[in-house]
C-alpha atoms as a PDB file:
ATOM      1  CA  MET A   1      -6.733 -24.920 -15.878  1.00  0.00           C
ATOM      2  CA  VAL A   2      -6.695 -21.450 -17.279  1.00  0.00           C
ATOM      3  CA  ILE A   3      -4.999 -20.555 -20.749  1.00  0.00           C
ATOM      4  CA  PHE A   4      -3.918 -16.779 -21.857  1.00  0.00           C
ATOM      5  CA  GLN A   5      -3.864 -15.715 -24.842  1.00  0.00           C
ATOM      6  CA  SER A   6      -1.190 -14.045 -24.235  1.00  0.00           C
ATOM      7  CA  LYS A   7       2.049 -12.677 -21.663  1.00  0.00           C
ATOM      8  CA  GLU A   8      -0.460  -9.551 -20.766  1.00  0.00           C
ATOM      9  CA  GLU A   9      -3.204 -11.740 -19.633  1.00  0.00           C
ATOM     10  CA  LEU A  10      -0.572 -13.671 -17.696  1.00  0.00           C
ATOM     11  CA  PHE A  11       1.970 -10.986 -16.018  1.00  0.00           C
ATOM     12  CA  LEU A  12      -2.211  -9.438 -15.651  1.00  0.00           C
ATOM     13  CA  ALA A  13      -3.062 -12.189 -13.404  1.00  0.00           C
ATOM     14  CA  LEU A  14      -0.146 -12.661 -11.717  1.00  0.00           C
ATOM     15  CA  LEU A  15      -0.522  -8.809 -10.621  1.00  0.00           C
ATOM     16  CA  GLU A  16      -3.563  -9.226 -10.257  1.00  0.00           C
ATOM     17  CA  ASN A  17      -3.003 -11.821  -7.277  1.00  0.00           C
ATOM     18  CA  ARG A  18      -0.460 -10.145  -5.617  1.00  0.00           C
ATOM     19  CA  MET A  19      -2.173  -7.289  -4.614  1.00  0.00           C
ATOM     20  CA  ASN A  20      -4.687  -9.293  -4.026  1.00  0.00           C
ATOM     21  CA  MET A  21      -2.619 -11.311  -1.494  1.00  0.00           C
ATOM     22  CA  HIS A  22      -1.538  -7.948  -0.348  1.00  0.00           C
ATOM     23  CA  ALA A  23      -4.712  -5.993   0.354  1.00  0.00           C
ATOM     24  CA  GLU A  24      -5.535  -9.544   2.218  1.00  0.00           C
ATOM     25  CA  ASN A  25      -1.809  -9.016   4.188  1.00  0.00           C
ATOM     26  CA  ILE A  26      -2.747  -5.665   5.039  1.00  0.00           C
ATOM     27  CA  ASN A  27      -6.513  -6.663   6.604  1.00  0.00           C
ATOM     28  CA  ASN A  28      -4.768  -9.598   8.532  1.00  0.00           C
ATOM     29  CA  LEU A  29      -3.079  -7.451  10.434  1.00  0.00           C
ATOM     30  CA  ILE A  30      -5.242  -4.992  11.360  1.00  0.00           C
ATOM     31  CA  GLU A  31      -7.078  -7.509  12.632  1.00  0.00           C
ATOM     32  CA  GLN A  32      -4.484  -8.471  14.757  1.00  0.00           C
ATOM     33  CA  GLU A  33      -4.060  -5.153  15.888  1.00  0.00           C
ATOM     34  CA  TYR A  34      -5.643  -3.444  19.222  1.00  0.00           C
ATOM     35  CA  THR A  35      -3.535  -0.110  18.698  1.00  0.00           C
ATOM     36  CA  VAL A  36      -3.288   1.943  15.493  1.00  0.00           C
ATOM     37  CA  SER A  37       0.223   2.661  16.790  1.00  0.00           C
ATOM     38  CA  HIS A  38       0.644  -1.293  17.225  1.00  0.00           C
ATOM     39  CA  THR A  39      -0.720  -1.643  14.109  1.00  0.00           C
ATOM     40  CA  ILE A  40       1.598   0.893  12.203  1.00  0.00           C
ATOM     41  CA  GLU A  41       4.504  -0.843  13.835  1.00  0.00           C
ATOM     42  CA  LYS A  42       3.604  -4.445  12.009  1.00  0.00           C
ATOM     43  CA  ILE A  43       2.684  -2.326   8.915  1.00  0.00           C
ATOM     44  CA  ASN A  44       6.321  -1.115   8.590  1.00  0.00           C
ATOM     45  CA  ALA A  45       8.054  -4.705   9.435  1.00  0.00           C
ATOM     46  CA  TYR A  46       5.324  -6.319   6.522  1.00  0.00           C
ATOM     47  CA  PHE A  47       6.900  -3.710   3.912  1.00  0.00           C
ATOM     48  CA  ASN A  48      10.406  -4.009   4.681  1.00  0.00           C
ATOM     49  CA  SER A  49      10.246  -7.893   4.864  1.00  0.00           C
ATOM     50  CA  VAL A  50       7.839  -7.374   1.293  1.00  0.00           C
ATOM     51  CA  LYS A  51      10.247  -5.200  -0.112  1.00  0.00           C
ATOM     52  CA  GLU A  52      13.295  -7.588   0.044  1.00  0.00           C
ATOM     53  CA  GLU A  53      10.962 -10.787  -1.357  1.00  0.00           C
ATOM     54  CA  ASN A  54       9.821  -8.828  -3.785  1.00  0.00           C
ATOM     55  CA  ARG A  55      12.362  -7.163  -5.714  1.00  0.00           C
ATOM     56  CA  THR A  56      12.683  -9.071  -8.551  1.00  0.00           C
ATOM     57  CA  MET A  57       8.713  -8.571  -9.238  1.00  0.00           C
ATOM     58  CA  SER A  58       8.919  -5.136  -8.881  1.00  0.00           C
ATOM     59  CA  MET A  59      10.653  -4.813 -11.692  1.00  0.00           C
ATOM     60  CA  LEU A  60       8.695  -6.722 -14.082  1.00  0.00           C
ATOM     61  CA  ASN A  61       6.210  -4.642 -12.108  1.00  0.00           C
ATOM     62  CA  MET A  62       7.775  -1.423 -13.446  1.00  0.00           C
ATOM     63  CA  GLU A  63       8.558  -2.438 -17.155  1.00  0.00           C
ATOM     64  CA  PHE A  64       5.123  -3.932 -16.949  1.00  0.00           C
ATOM     65  CA  LEU A  65       4.445  -0.488 -16.026  1.00  0.00           C
ATOM     66  CA  LEU A  66       5.766   1.547 -18.539  1.00  0.00           C
ATOM     67  CA  TYR A  67       4.290  -1.022 -21.559  1.00  0.00           C
ATOM     68  CA  ALA A  68       0.749   0.142 -19.358  1.00  0.00           C
ATOM     69  CA  MET A  69       1.629   3.725 -20.089  1.00  0.00           C
ATOM     70  CA  ARG A  70       1.881   2.870 -23.840  1.00  0.00           C
ATOM     71  CA  LYS A  71      -1.047   0.492 -24.068  1.00  0.00           C
ATOM     72  CA  GLU A  72      -5.115   1.455 -23.147  1.00  0.00           C
ATOM     73  CA  SER A  73      -6.435  -2.028 -23.151  1.00  0.00           C
ATOM     74  CA  VAL A  74      -3.050  -3.224 -20.592  1.00  0.00           C
ATOM     75  CA  ARG A  75      -3.819   0.320 -18.755  1.00  0.00           C
ATOM     76  CA  ASP A  76      -6.991   0.165 -18.437  1.00  0.00           C
ATOM     77  CA  LYS A  77      -7.122  -3.348 -16.821  1.00  0.00           C
ATOM     78  CA  TRP A  78      -4.687  -3.124 -14.333  1.00  0.00           C
ATOM     79  CA  SER A  79      -5.441   0.606 -13.547  1.00  0.00           C
ATOM     80  CA  GLY A  80      -9.553  -1.246 -12.586  1.00  0.00           C
ATOM     81  CA  MET A  81      -7.410  -3.256 -10.536  1.00  0.00           C
ATOM     82  CA  ILE A  82      -5.526  -0.392  -8.306  1.00  0.00           C
ATOM     83  CA  SER A  83      -8.925   1.366  -8.244  1.00  0.00           C
ATOM     84  CA  GLN A  84      -9.815  -2.170  -6.221  1.00  0.00           C
ATOM     85  CA  SER A  85      -6.543  -2.713  -4.254  1.00  0.00           C
ATOM     86  CA  VAL A  86      -7.250   1.348  -3.121  1.00  0.00           C
ATOM     87  CA  GLY A  87     -10.648  -0.076  -2.231  1.00  0.00           C
ATOM     88  CA  ARG A  88      -9.879  -2.909  -0.103  1.00  0.00           C
ATOM     89  CA  ILE A  89      -7.161  -0.657   1.610  1.00  0.00           C
ATOM     90  CA  SER A  90      -9.480   2.531   1.853  1.00  0.00           C
ATOM     91  CA  GLU A  91     -11.943  -0.131   4.107  1.00  0.00           C
ATOM     92  CA  SER A  92      -9.332  -1.297   6.023  1.00  0.00           C
ATOM     93  CA  ILE A  93      -7.851   2.404   6.770  1.00  0.00           C
ATOM     94  CA  GLU A  94     -11.320   2.955   8.508  1.00  0.00           C
ATOM     95  CA  VAL A  95     -11.943  -0.614  10.505  1.00  0.00           C
ATOM     96  CA  LEU A  96      -8.621   0.308  12.096  1.00  0.00           C
ATOM     97  CA  MET A  97      -9.557   4.177  13.007  1.00  0.00           C
ATOM     98  CA  LYS A  98     -12.604   2.345  14.561  1.00  0.00           C
ATOM     99  CA  LYS A  99     -10.409   0.954  16.667  1.00  0.00           C
ATOM    100  CA  GLU A 100      -9.529   3.916  18.477  1.00  0.00           C
ATOM    101  CA  ASN A 101     -11.852   6.068  17.372  1.00  0.00           C
ATOM    102  CA  HIS A 102      -9.480   7.945  15.195  1.00  0.00           C
ATOM    103  CA  LYS A 103     -11.262  10.697  12.840  1.00  0.00           C
ATOM    104  CA  LEU A 104      -8.789  11.112   9.412  1.00  0.00           C
ATOM    105  CA  SER A 105      -7.226  13.977   8.295  1.00  0.00           C
ATOM    106  CA  LEU A 106      -7.952  12.860   4.999  1.00  0.00           C
ATOM    107  CA  PRO A 107     -10.941  10.413   2.952  1.00  0.00           C
ATOM    108  CA  SER A 108     -10.225   6.961   3.577  1.00  0.00           C
ATOM    109  CA  GLN A 109      -9.375   6.318   0.111  1.00  0.00           C
ATOM    110  CA  ASP A 110      -7.488   9.162  -0.523  1.00  0.00           C
ATOM    111  CA  ILE A 111      -5.081   8.100   2.214  1.00  0.00           C
ATOM    112  CA  ALA A 112      -4.885   4.562   0.110  1.00  0.00           C
ATOM    113  CA  TRP A 113      -3.698   6.095  -2.457  1.00  0.00           C
ATOM    114  CA  ILE A 114      -0.914   7.319  -0.853  1.00  0.00           C
ATOM    115  CA  ILE A 115       0.118   4.539   0.938  1.00  0.00           C
ATOM    116  CA  LEU A 116       0.105   2.974  -2.643  1.00  0.00           C
ATOM    117  CA  SER A 117       2.275   6.184  -4.315  1.00  0.00           C
ATOM    118  CA  LEU A 118       5.141   5.228  -1.285  1.00  0.00           C
ATOM    119  CA  GLU A 119       5.492   1.970  -1.252  1.00  0.00           C
ATOM    120  CA  ASN A 120       5.847   1.514  -4.950  1.00  0.00           C
ATOM    121  CA  GLY A 121       8.975   5.162  -4.355  1.00  0.00           C
ATOM    122  CA  MET A 122       9.768   3.794  -1.497  1.00  0.00           C
ATOM    123  CA  SER A 123      10.757   0.245  -2.812  1.00  0.00           C
ATOM    124  CA  ILE A 124      11.944   1.593  -6.049  1.00  0.00           C
ATOM    125  CA  PHE A 125      13.999   3.727  -4.593  1.00  0.00           C
ATOM    126  CA  HIS A 126      15.221   1.112  -2.454  1.00  0.00           C
ATOM    127  CA  TYR A 127      16.734  -1.465  -5.160  1.00  0.00           C
ATOM    128  CA  ILE A 128      18.335   1.847  -6.295  1.00  0.00           C
ATOM    129  CA  GLY A 129      19.938   3.491  -3.595  1.00  0.00           C
ATOM    130  CA  GLU A 130      19.535   0.687  -0.580  1.00  0.00           C
ATOM    131  CA  ASN A 131      21.847   2.790   2.202  1.00  0.00           C
ATOM    132  CA  SER A 132      20.083   6.454   1.317  1.00  0.00           C
ATOM    133  CA  VAL A 133      16.553   5.617   1.986  1.00  0.00           C
ATOM    134  CA  PRO A 134      15.604   5.788   6.056  1.00  0.00           C
ATOM    135  CA  SER A 135      14.621   2.296   7.178  1.00  0.00           C
ATOM    136  CA  ASP A 136      11.770   3.621   9.085  1.00  0.00           C
ATOM    137  CA  LEU A 137      10.725   6.904   6.953  1.00  0.00           C
ATOM    138  CA  TYR A 138       7.108   4.359   5.669  1.00  0.00           C
ATOM    139  CA  GLY A 139       6.270   3.788   9.161  1.00  0.00           C
ATOM    140  CA  LYS A 140       6.588   7.071   9.997  1.00  0.00           C
ATOM    141  CA  ALA A 141       5.125   8.271   7.008  1.00  0.00           C
ATOM    142  CA  LEU A 142       2.270   5.746   8.698  1.00  0.00           C
ATOM    143  CA  LYS A 143       1.955   7.940  11.303  1.00  0.00           C
ATOM    144  CA  THR A 144       2.396  10.921  10.295  1.00  0.00           C
ATOM    145  CA  LEU A 145      -1.557  10.236   8.221  1.00  0.00           C
ATOM    146  CA  LEU A 146      -3.272   7.739  10.398  1.00  0.00           C
ATOM    147  CA  LEU A 147      -2.035   9.543  13.324  1.00  0.00           C
ATOM    148  CA  ALA A 148      -2.350  13.307  12.489  1.00  0.00           C
ATOM    149  CA  SER A 149      -5.642  14.178  13.592  1.00  0.00           C
ATOM    150  CA  LYS A 150      -5.251  11.931  16.820  1.00  0.00           C
ATOM    151  CA  ARG A 151      -2.573  15.027  17.601  1.00  0.00           C
ATOM    152  CA  GLU A 152      -3.898  18.076  16.127  1.00  0.00           C
ATOM    153  CA  ASN A 153      -7.210  16.661  18.332  1.00  0.00           C
ATOM    154  CA  GLU A 154      -4.668  16.512  21.791  1.00  0.00           C
ATOM    155  CA  ASP A 155      -2.968  19.587  20.685  1.00  0.00           C
ATOM    156  CA  HIS A 156      -6.497  21.209  20.337  1.00  0.00           C
ATOM    157  CA  LEU A 157      -7.461  20.515  23.732  1.00  0.00           C
ATOM    158  CA  LEU A 158      -4.772  21.322  25.513  1.00  0.00           C
ATOM    159  CA  THR A 159      -5.081  25.788  24.326  1.00  0.00           C
END
């Protein structure tokens, strides 16, 4: 039995668990799919379903984010967990791109940061104005990020 010394410790443990599950789910989606395009469709569907299921947790995350911005010890712990998630997602992106021998237009770690930022921002805006955020925007952004170099190579071959 784990005993937490504070609400902070409890919430950070819950947050770490959710972040690990999220990264693992993305890894699983990448391992199951054979093409980059199909994987992007699956990740987009996953994001849309998780976004709906996690509304309350997302609100708690935002409250805790504001708290962490004011409290350095919490901020440092959360920052470390985010960095670990970025590392795992970055590795998954590299595996995905190797499946079809795609080259990335940005380093995989930069793309992982963009993806996490995009997920968080889009979730927030979805909760505020559900009908104003295009439901397919996340998938379009992933395609732009992950397939940009493929289009650049194809365009270069045509010229």
